[in-house]
Amino acid sequence: MQSWAIANQKGGVGKTTTSLCLARGLASMGQRVVLVDLDPHASLTRAFGIPTDPAPSGTHDLFSDIGAALATVARRTEIDGLTIVAAQPALATLERRGATQPGLGLSLGRALHAARGAYDYALLDCPPTLGLLMVNALAAADRLVIPTQTDPLAVHGLNDMLRTADMVERSRRRPLPRHILPTLYDRRTRSGVHVLDQLHDHYEGRVWPKAVPMDTRLRDAGSLTAAEAPTGRGADAYRSALNWLLDVVPAQQEAA
């Protein structure tokens, strides 16, 4: 099973949309995919219409003293081949528990390892803050996908995210390949065009050569989680981005 962490230390960059679009793209190829919502704000969970009150079974259960099996807390969606592990408000309490509960930082990795025969891909939708949940995801992931808004302020978040990835990579002592996906691109703005050029210049080889355009249809959670595949420029761009990711991963493995 391949685990991809979808993360950025800046909010509002299209992280949850990226997680969902890539996951359903993989599922459309016949892959068994599980989406893991690690964000206490539960945007991904809400997109699928899963109520958070009362709290559903979900991601927090993976961090319990016993540690739930991933398959027992995953639930089916309307999309063939795609399941989701819902976020729970109690995820916000894990930071405090991490100081007194040894081994909590490896809980997600253990759950993913135990489920490796049940799924082909696990996509981890991370919170936009550096903490126990993001570190868990980065420690467990085979790949890091960083959605990055084509905006000058977003570049700072990207740099922070790359420094965090370097830190985790040194700690876990195995490579953590990074892939940057430019998002929310508006070619009508000078700053958008400039930032996209900057990304390609500074991170050549790690950046998808294209960009996900601004597309209001990507804001419609109902269409993104429906059985029928979404349409539009944004959805087409994510399908192209997924093909690039699937091509670049084996190429990087051969070069390693």
C-alpha atoms as a PDB file:
ATOM      1  CA  MET A   1       0.000   0.000   0.000  1.00  0.00           C
ATOM      2  CA  GLN A   2       1.237   3.455  -0.916  1.00  0.00           C
ATOM      3  CA  SER A   3       0.570   6.227   1.607  1.00  0.00           C
ATOM      4  CA  TRP A   4       0.490   9.829   0.399  1.00  0.00           C
ATOM      5  CA  ALA A   5       0.389  12.719   2.864  1.00  0.00           C
ATOM      6  CA  ILE A   6      -1.398  15.798   1.470  1.00  0.00           C
ATOM      7  CA  ALA A   7      -0.047  18.642   3.570  1.00  0.00           C
ATOM      8  CA  ASN A   8       0.827  22.308   3.745  1.00  0.00           C
ATOM      9  CA  GLN A   9       1.441  24.473   6.806  1.00  0.00           C
ATOM     10  CA  LYS A  10      -0.700  27.210   5.259  1.00  0.00           C
ATOM     11  CA  GLY A  11      -4.465  26.931   5.090  1.00  0.00           C
ATOM     12  CA  GLY A  12      -6.645  27.783   2.124  1.00  0.00           C
ATOM     13  CA  VAL A  13      -4.425  26.190  -0.523  1.00  0.00           C
ATOM     14  CA  GLY A  14      -6.860  23.497  -1.680  1.00  0.00           C
ATOM     15  CA  LYS A  15      -5.488  20.691   0.479  1.00  0.00           C
ATOM     16  CA  THR A  16      -8.788  18.909   1.121  1.00  0.00           C
ATOM     17  CA  THR A  17      -9.942  19.346  -2.482  1.00  0.00           C
ATOM     18  CA  THR A  18      -6.616  17.926  -3.642  1.00  0.00           C
ATOM     19  CA  SER A  19      -6.941  14.919  -1.313  1.00  0.00           C
ATOM     20  CA  LEU A  20     -10.442  14.185  -2.552  1.00  0.00           C
ATOM     21  CA  CYS A  21      -9.745  14.647  -6.265  1.00  0.00           C
ATOM     22  CA  LEU A  22      -6.600  12.532  -6.219  1.00  0.00           C
ATOM     23  CA  ALA A  23      -8.326   9.825  -4.191  1.00  0.00           C
ATOM     24  CA  ARG A  24     -11.319   9.540  -6.474  1.00  0.00           C
ATOM     25  CA  GLY A  25      -8.999   9.606  -9.479  1.00  0.00           C
ATOM     26  CA  LEU A  26      -7.111   6.604  -8.122  1.00  0.00           C
ATOM     27  CA  ALA A  27     -10.394   4.843  -7.337  1.00  0.00           C
ATOM     28  CA  SER A  28     -11.564   5.397 -10.936  1.00  0.00           C
ATOM     29  CA  MET A  29      -8.473   3.459 -12.041  1.00  0.00           C
ATOM     30  CA  GLY A  30      -9.636   0.454 -10.053  1.00  0.00           C
ATOM     31  CA  GLN A  31      -7.463   1.084  -7.008  1.00  0.00           C
ATOM     32  CA  ARG A  32      -8.708   0.434  -3.461  1.00  0.00           C
ATOM     33  CA  VAL A  33      -8.335   3.806  -1.758  1.00  0.00           C
ATOM     34  CA  VAL A  34      -8.862   4.974   1.807  1.00  0.00           C
ATOM     35  CA  LEU A  35      -9.030   8.672   2.669  1.00  0.00           C
ATOM     36  CA  VAL A  36      -7.922   9.479   6.211  1.00  0.00           C
ATOM     37  CA  ASP A  37      -9.173  12.819   7.558  1.00  0.00           C
ATOM     38  CA  LEU A  38      -6.599  14.024  10.107  1.00  0.00           C
ATOM     39  CA  ASP A  39      -7.896  17.579  10.390  1.00  0.00           C
ATOM     40  CA  PRO A  40      -9.948  18.344  13.547  1.00  0.00           C
ATOM     41  CA  HIS A  41     -11.921  20.847  11.445  1.00  0.00           C
ATOM     42  CA  ALA A  42     -13.211  17.806   9.502  1.00  0.00           C
ATOM     43  CA  SER A  43     -13.754  19.559   6.161  1.00  0.00           C
ATOM     44  CA  LEU A  44     -13.249  16.321   4.249  1.00  0.00           C
ATOM     45  CA  THR A  45     -15.596  14.448   6.572  1.00  0.00           C
ATOM     46  CA  ARG A  46     -18.290  17.108   6.190  1.00  0.00           C
ATOM     47  CA  ALA A  47     -17.882  17.031   2.397  1.00  0.00           C
ATOM     48  CA  PHE A  48     -19.127  13.451   2.472  1.00  0.00           C
ATOM     49  CA  GLY A  49     -22.090  14.471   4.632  1.00  0.00           C
ATOM     50  CA  ILE A  50     -20.870  12.606   7.704  1.00  0.00           C
ATOM     51  CA  PRO A  51     -22.182  14.354  10.843  1.00  0.00           C
ATOM     52  CA  THR A  52     -19.598  15.205  13.493  1.00  0.00           C
ATOM     53  CA  ASP A  53     -22.140  15.479  16.333  1.00  0.00           C
ATOM     54  CA  PRO A  54     -22.437  12.965  17.772  1.00  0.00           C
ATOM     55  CA  ALA A  55     -18.858  12.091  16.919  1.00  0.00           C
ATOM     56  CA  PRO A  56     -18.577   9.222  14.430  1.00  0.00           C
ATOM     57  CA  SER A  57     -16.072   6.427  14.717  1.00  0.00           C
ATOM     58  CA  GLY A  58     -12.969   7.538  12.894  1.00  0.00           C
ATOM     59  CA  THR A  59      -9.413   8.776  12.958  1.00  0.00           C
ATOM     60  CA  HIS A  60      -9.151   9.470  16.688  1.00  0.00           C
ATOM     61  CA  ASP A  61      -9.820   5.780  17.351  1.00  0.00           C
ATOM     62  CA  LEU A  62      -6.523   4.943  15.634  1.00  0.00           C
ATOM     63  CA  PHE A  63      -4.765   6.810  18.471  1.00  0.00           C
ATOM     64  CA  SER A  64      -6.597   5.092  21.329  1.00  0.00           C
ATOM     65  CA  ASP A  65      -4.775   2.967  23.897  1.00  0.00           C
ATOM     66  CA  ILE A  66      -5.677  -0.193  21.998  1.00  0.00           C
ATOM     67  CA  GLY A  67      -5.607   1.353  18.525  1.00  0.00           C
ATOM     68  CA  ALA A  68      -8.535   0.551  16.237  1.00  0.00           C
ATOM     69  CA  ALA A  69      -7.912  -1.277  12.969  1.00  0.00           C
ATOM     70  CA  LEU A  70      -8.208   1.021   9.966  1.00  0.00           C
ATOM     71  CA  ALA A  71     -10.805  -1.188   8.262  1.00  0.00           C
ATOM     72  CA  THR A  72     -13.097  -1.120  11.314  1.00  0.00           C
ATOM     73  CA  VAL A  73     -13.406   2.682  11.280  1.00  0.00           C
ATOM     74  CA  ALA A  74     -13.420   3.204   7.504  1.00  0.00           C
ATOM     75  CA  ARG A  75     -16.797   3.691   5.846  1.00  0.00           C
ATOM     76  CA  ARG A  76     -17.905   3.341   2.257  1.00  0.00           C
ATOM     77  CA  THR A  77     -18.672   6.309   0.057  1.00  0.00           C
ATOM     78  CA  GLU A  78     -20.797   6.594  -3.075  1.00  0.00           C
ATOM     79  CA  ILE A  79     -17.588   6.427  -5.102  1.00  0.00           C
ATOM     80  CA  ASP A  80     -16.666   2.868  -6.059  1.00  0.00           C
ATOM     81  CA  GLY A  81     -13.408   1.780  -4.453  1.00  0.00           C
ATOM     82  CA  LEU A  82     -13.191   4.763  -2.098  1.00  0.00           C
ATOM     83  CA  THR A  83     -13.645   4.628   1.672  1.00  0.00           C
ATOM     84  CA  ILE A  84     -13.085   7.332   4.274  1.00  0.00           C
ATOM     85  CA  VAL A  85     -11.976   7.429   7.891  1.00  0.00           C
ATOM     86  CA  ALA A  86     -13.847  10.365   9.384  1.00  0.00           C
ATOM     87  CA  ALA A  87     -12.281  13.066  11.543  1.00  0.00           C
ATOM     88  CA  GLN A  88     -13.490  13.512  15.117  1.00  0.00           C
ATOM     89  CA  PRO A  89     -13.415  16.655  17.295  1.00  0.00           C
ATOM     90  CA  ALA A  90     -11.322  14.730  19.858  1.00  0.00           C
ATOM     91  CA  LEU A  91      -8.378  14.895  17.443  1.00  0.00           C
ATOM     92  CA  ALA A  92      -7.749  18.359  18.856  1.00  0.00           C
ATOM     93  CA  THR A  93      -6.849  16.790  22.227  1.00  0.00           C
ATOM     94  CA  LEU A  94      -4.016  14.654  20.884  1.00  0.00           C
ATOM     95  CA  GLU A  95      -1.384  17.369  21.228  1.00  0.00           C
ATOM     96  CA  ARG A  96      -1.788  17.333  25.024  1.00  0.00           C
ATOM     97  CA  ARG A  97      -1.808  13.539  25.174  1.00  0.00           C
ATOM     98  CA  GLY A  98       1.352  13.349  23.080  1.00  0.00           C
ATOM     99  CA  ALA A  99       3.409  14.792  25.939  1.00  0.00           C
ATOM    100  CA  THR A 100       2.441  11.990  28.321  1.00  0.00           C
ATOM    101  CA  GLN A 101       1.682   9.008  26.071  1.00  0.00           C
ATOM    102  CA  PRO A 102       4.829   7.442  24.592  1.00  0.00           C
ATOM    103  CA  GLY A 103       4.563   6.079  21.079  1.00  0.00           C
ATOM    104  CA  LEU A 104       1.585   8.227  20.083  1.00  0.00           C
ATOM    105  CA  GLY A 105       3.625   9.669  17.224  1.00  0.00           C
ATOM    106  CA  LEU A 106       3.747   6.256  15.537  1.00  0.00           C
ATOM    107  CA  SER A 107       0.079   5.305  15.928  1.00  0.00           C
ATOM    108  CA  LEU A 108      -0.929   6.162  12.382  1.00  0.00           C
ATOM    109  CA  GLY A 109       2.033   4.340  10.901  1.00  0.00           C
ATOM    110  CA  ARG A 110       1.142   1.186  12.817  1.00  0.00           C
ATOM    111  CA  ALA A 111      -2.482   1.361  11.649  1.00  0.00           C
ATOM    112  CA  LEU A 112      -1.449   1.815   8.018  1.00  0.00           C
ATOM    113  CA  HIS A 113       1.072  -1.005   8.215  1.00  0.00           C
ATOM    114  CA  ALA A 114      -1.542  -3.374   9.619  1.00  0.00           C
ATOM    115  CA  ALA A 115      -3.960  -2.454   6.785  1.00  0.00           C
ATOM    116  CA  ARG A 116      -1.482  -2.794   3.928  1.00  0.00           C
ATOM    117  CA  GLY A 117      -3.320  -5.776   2.394  1.00  0.00           C
ATOM    118  CA  ALA A 118      -6.736  -4.106   2.463  1.00  0.00           C
ATOM    119  CA  TYR A 119      -5.969  -1.032   0.350  1.00  0.00           C
ATOM    120  CA  ASP A 120      -3.758   0.006  -2.546  1.00  0.00           C
ATOM    121  CA  TYR A 121      -3.514   3.671  -1.513  1.00  0.00           C
ATOM    122  CA  ALA A 122      -4.048   5.675   1.660  1.00  0.00           C
ATOM    123  CA  LEU A 123      -4.334   9.446   1.240  1.00  0.00           C
ATOM    124  CA  LEU A 124      -3.809  11.413   4.443  1.00  0.00           C
ATOM    125  CA  ASP A 125      -5.527  14.816   4.574  1.00  0.00           C
ATOM    126  CA  CYS A 126      -3.420  16.706   7.129  1.00  0.00           C
ATOM    127  CA  PRO A 127      -4.303  19.722   9.282  1.00  0.00           C
ATOM    128  CA  PRO A 128      -2.683  23.021   8.225  1.00  0.00           C
ATOM    129  CA  THR A 129      -0.564  23.222  11.378  1.00  0.00           C
ATOM    130  CA  LEU A 130       2.646  21.545  12.432  1.00  0.00           C
ATOM    131  CA  GLY A 131       1.902  19.188  15.301  1.00  0.00           C
ATOM    132  CA  LEU A 132       1.422  15.577  16.290  1.00  0.00           C
ATOM    133  CA  LEU A 133      -1.094  14.791  13.543  1.00  0.00           C
ATOM    134  CA  MET A 134       0.996  16.178  10.692  1.00  0.00           C
ATOM    135  CA  VAL A 135       4.170  14.561  12.040  1.00  0.00           C
ATOM    136  CA  ASN A 136       2.325  11.220  12.281  1.00  0.00           C
ATOM    137  CA  ALA A 137       1.329  11.516   8.628  1.00  0.00           C
ATOM    138  CA  LEU A 138       4.798  12.518   7.433  1.00  0.00           C
ATOM    139  CA  ALA A 139       6.447   9.753   9.460  1.00  0.00           C
ATOM    140  CA  ALA A 140       4.121   7.170   7.906  1.00  0.00           C
ATOM    141  CA  ALA A 141       3.943   8.463   4.323  1.00  0.00           C
ATOM    142  CA  ASP A 142       5.706   7.148   1.254  1.00  0.00           C
ATOM    143  CA  ARG A 143       5.125  10.458  -0.558  1.00  0.00           C
ATOM    144  CA  LEU A 144       4.368  14.041   0.379  1.00  0.00           C
ATOM    145  CA  VAL A 145       2.097  16.024  -1.931  1.00  0.00           C
ATOM    146  CA  ILE A 146       2.085  19.762  -1.214  1.00  0.00           C
ATOM    147  CA  PRO A 147      -0.771  21.788  -2.758  1.00  0.00           C
ATOM    148  CA  THR A 148       0.466  25.353  -3.084  1.00  0.00           C
ATOM    149  CA  GLN A 149      -1.644  28.347  -3.997  1.00  0.00           C
ATOM    150  CA  THR A 150      -0.026  30.504  -6.654  1.00  0.00           C
ATOM    151  CA  ASP A 151       0.171  33.482  -4.347  1.00  0.00           C
ATOM    152  CA  PRO A 152       3.277  35.197  -2.882  1.00  0.00           C
ATOM    153  CA  LEU A 153       2.266  34.476   0.726  1.00  0.00           C
ATOM    154  CA  ALA A 154       1.731  30.800  -0.070  1.00  0.00           C
ATOM    155  CA  VAL A 155       5.390  30.422  -1.030  1.00  0.00           C
ATOM    156  CA  HIS A 156       6.354  31.016   2.605  1.00  0.00           C
ATOM    157  CA  GLY A 157       4.065  28.181   3.681  1.00  0.00           C
ATOM    158  CA  LEU A 158       5.662  25.953   1.062  1.00  0.00           C
ATOM    159  CA  ASN A 159       9.151  26.710   2.363  1.00  0.00           C
ATOM    160  CA  ASP A 160       8.038  25.949   5.928  1.00  0.00           C
ATOM    161  CA  MET A 161       6.513  22.672   4.754  1.00  0.00           C
ATOM    162  CA  LEU A 162       9.697  21.638   2.965  1.00  0.00           C
ATOM    163  CA  ARG A 163      11.789  22.385   6.070  1.00  0.00           C
ATOM    164  CA  THR A 164       9.418  20.246   8.138  1.00  0.00           C
ATOM    165  CA  ALA A 165       9.712  17.437   5.587  1.00  0.00           C
ATOM    166  CA  ASP A 166      13.516  17.649   5.831  1.00  0.00           C
ATOM    167  CA  MET A 167      13.300  17.370   9.622  1.00  0.00           C
ATOM    168  CA  VAL A 168      10.985  14.348   9.523  1.00  0.00           C
ATOM    169  CA  GLU A 169      13.056  12.689   6.830  1.00  0.00           C
ATOM    170  CA  ARG A 170      16.174  12.910   8.995  1.00  0.00           C
ATOM    171  CA  SER A 171      14.287  11.532  11.972  1.00  0.00           C
ATOM    172  CA  ARG A 172      12.764   8.547  10.198  1.00  0.00           C
ATOM    173  CA  ARG A 173      15.985   7.828   8.254  1.00  0.00           C
ATOM    174  CA  ARG A 174      14.394   7.052   4.932  1.00  0.00           C
ATOM    175  CA  PRO A 175      13.531   9.285   1.980  1.00  0.00           C
ATOM    176  CA  LEU A 176      10.345  11.325   1.879  1.00  0.00           C
ATOM    177  CA  PRO A 177       9.879  12.380  -1.765  1.00  0.00           C
ATOM    178  CA  ARG A 178       8.057  15.704  -2.188  1.00  0.00           C
ATOM    179  CA  HIS A 179       5.766  16.752  -5.025  1.00  0.00           C
ATOM    180  CA  ILE A 180       4.402  20.289  -5.372  1.00  0.00           C
ATOM    181  CA  LEU A 181       1.011  20.927  -6.994  1.00  0.00           C
ATOM    182  CA  PRO A 182       0.279  24.580  -7.872  1.00  0.00           C
ATOM    183  CA  THR A 183      -3.383  25.293  -7.127  1.00  0.00           C
ATOM    184  CA  LEU A 184      -5.960  28.081  -7.343  1.00  0.00           C
ATOM    185  CA  TYR A 185      -4.125  29.530 -10.331  1.00  0.00           C
ATOM    186  CA  ASP A 186      -5.503  32.672 -11.931  1.00  0.00           C
ATOM    187  CA  ARG A 187      -3.619  33.394 -15.140  1.00  0.00           C
ATOM    188  CA  ARG A 188      -5.251  36.831 -15.343  1.00  0.00           C
ATOM    189  CA  THR A 189      -3.194  38.118 -12.425  1.00  0.00           C
ATOM    190  CA  ARG A 190       0.418  39.167 -12.706  1.00  0.00           C
ATOM    191  CA  SER A 191       1.258  37.780  -9.254  1.00  0.00           C
ATOM    192  CA  GLY A 192      -0.218  34.384 -10.107  1.00  0.00           C
ATOM    193  CA  VAL A 193       1.849  34.076 -13.273  1.00  0.00           C
ATOM    194  CA  HIS A 194       4.968  35.302 -11.447  1.00  0.00           C
ATOM    195  CA  VAL A 195       4.608  32.848  -8.551  1.00  0.00           C
ATOM    196  CA  LEU A 196       4.012  29.926 -10.911  1.00  0.00           C
ATOM    197  CA  ASP A 197       7.184  30.831 -12.784  1.00  0.00           C
ATOM    198  CA  GLN A 198       9.029  31.064  -9.457  1.00  0.00           C
ATOM    199  CA  LEU A 199       7.881  27.608  -8.420  1.00  0.00           C
ATOM    200  CA  HIS A 200       9.077  26.082 -11.663  1.00  0.00           C
ATOM    201  CA  ASP A 201      12.417  27.890 -11.447  1.00  0.00           C
ATOM    202  CA  HIS A 202      13.180  27.109  -7.794  1.00  0.00           C
ATOM    203  CA  TYR A 203      11.786  23.582  -7.500  1.00  0.00           C
ATOM    204  CA  GLU A 204      12.359  22.107 -10.926  1.00  0.00           C
ATOM    205  CA  GLY A 205      11.608  18.394 -10.989  1.00  0.00           C
ATOM    206  CA  ARG A 206       9.424  18.547  -7.887  1.00  0.00           C
ATOM    207  CA  VAL A 207       6.688  20.771  -9.357  1.00  0.00           C
ATOM    208  CA  TRP A 208       3.872  19.615 -11.595  1.00  0.00           C
ATOM    209  CA  PRO A 209       4.491  21.492 -14.876  1.00  0.00           C
ATOM    210  CA  LYS A 210       0.898  22.754 -14.997  1.00  0.00           C
ATOM    211  CA  ALA A 211      -1.462  24.265 -12.403  1.00  0.00           C
ATOM    212  CA  VAL A 212      -4.986  23.685 -11.100  1.00  0.00           C
ATOM    213  CA  PRO A 213      -6.984  26.726 -12.234  1.00  0.00           C
ATOM    214  CA  MET A 214      -9.522  28.670 -10.226  1.00  0.00           C
ATOM    215  CA  ASP A 215     -12.795  26.821 -10.783  1.00  0.00           C
ATOM    216  CA  THR A 216     -15.906  27.436  -8.692  1.00  0.00           C
ATOM    217  CA  ARG A 217     -17.097  23.897  -9.452  1.00  0.00           C
ATOM    218  CA  LEU A 218     -14.352  22.599  -7.181  1.00  0.00           C
ATOM    219  CA  ARG A 219     -16.125  24.291  -4.270  1.00  0.00           C
ATOM    220  CA  ASP A 220     -19.204  22.119  -4.726  1.00  0.00           C
ATOM    221  CA  ALA A 221     -18.631  19.329  -2.201  1.00  0.00           C
ATOM    222  CA  GLY A 222     -21.736  17.523  -3.424  1.00  0.00           C
ATOM    223  CA  SER A 223     -20.372  17.073  -6.938  1.00  0.00           C
ATOM    224  CA  LEU A 224     -16.920  16.098  -5.713  1.00  0.00           C
ATOM    225  CA  THR A 225     -18.287  13.319  -3.489  1.00  0.00           C
ATOM    226  CA  ALA A 226     -21.027  12.055  -5.828  1.00  0.00           C
ATOM    227  CA  ALA A 227     -20.778   8.725  -7.634  1.00  0.00           C
ATOM    228  CA  GLU A 228     -20.515  10.451 -11.007  1.00  0.00           C
ATOM    229  CA  ALA A 229     -17.121  12.006 -11.718  1.00  0.00           C
ATOM    230  CA  PRO A 230     -17.030  15.833 -11.609  1.00  0.00           C
ATOM    231  CA  THR A 231     -16.458  17.855 -14.739  1.00  0.00           C
ATOM    232  CA  GLY A 232     -14.794  21.150 -15.519  1.00  0.00           C
ATOM    233  CA  ARG A 233     -11.344  22.676 -15.857  1.00  0.00           C
ATOM    234  CA  GLY A 234     -10.393  22.026 -12.257  1.00  0.00           C
ATOM    235  CA  ALA A 235     -11.407  18.372 -12.293  1.00  0.00           C
ATOM    236  CA  ASP A 236      -9.558  17.855 -15.576  1.00  0.00           C
ATOM    237  CA  ALA A 237      -6.457  19.473 -14.092  1.00  0.00           C
ATOM    238  CA  TYR A 238      -6.492  17.143 -11.095  1.00  0.00           C
ATOM    239  CA  ARG A 239      -6.738  14.129 -13.394  1.00  0.00           C
ATOM    240  CA  SER A 240      -3.687  15.421 -15.246  1.00  0.00           C
ATOM    241  CA  ALA A 241      -1.858  16.043 -11.960  1.00  0.00           C
ATOM    242  CA  LEU A 242      -2.575  12.488 -10.820  1.00  0.00           C
ATOM    243  CA  ASN A 243      -1.146  11.068 -14.034  1.00  0.00           C
ATOM    244  CA  TRP A 244       1.998  13.142 -13.459  1.00  0.00           C
ATOM    245  CA  LEU A 245       2.304  11.881  -9.890  1.00  0.00           C
ATOM    246  CA  LEU A 246       1.943   8.282 -11.017  1.00  0.00           C
ATOM    247  CA  ASP A 247       4.601   8.829 -13.684  1.00  0.00           C
ATOM    248  CA  VAL A 248       7.074  10.709 -11.490  1.00  0.00           C
ATOM    249  CA  VAL A 249       6.933   8.286  -8.549  1.00  0.00           C
ATOM    250  CA  PRO A 250       8.436   5.274 -10.347  1.00  0.00           C
ATOM    251  CA  ALA A 251      10.934   7.540 -12.120  1.00  0.00           C
ATOM    252  CA  GLN A 252      12.189   8.835  -8.764  1.00  0.00           C
ATOM    253  CA  GLN A 253      12.332   5.319  -7.367  1.00  0.00           C
ATOM    254  CA  GLU A 254      14.563   4.212 -10.240  1.00  0.00           C
ATOM    255  CA  ALA A 255      16.839   7.218  -9.705  1.00  0.00           C
ATOM    256  CA  ALA A 256      17.147   6.578  -5.954  1.00  0.00           C
END
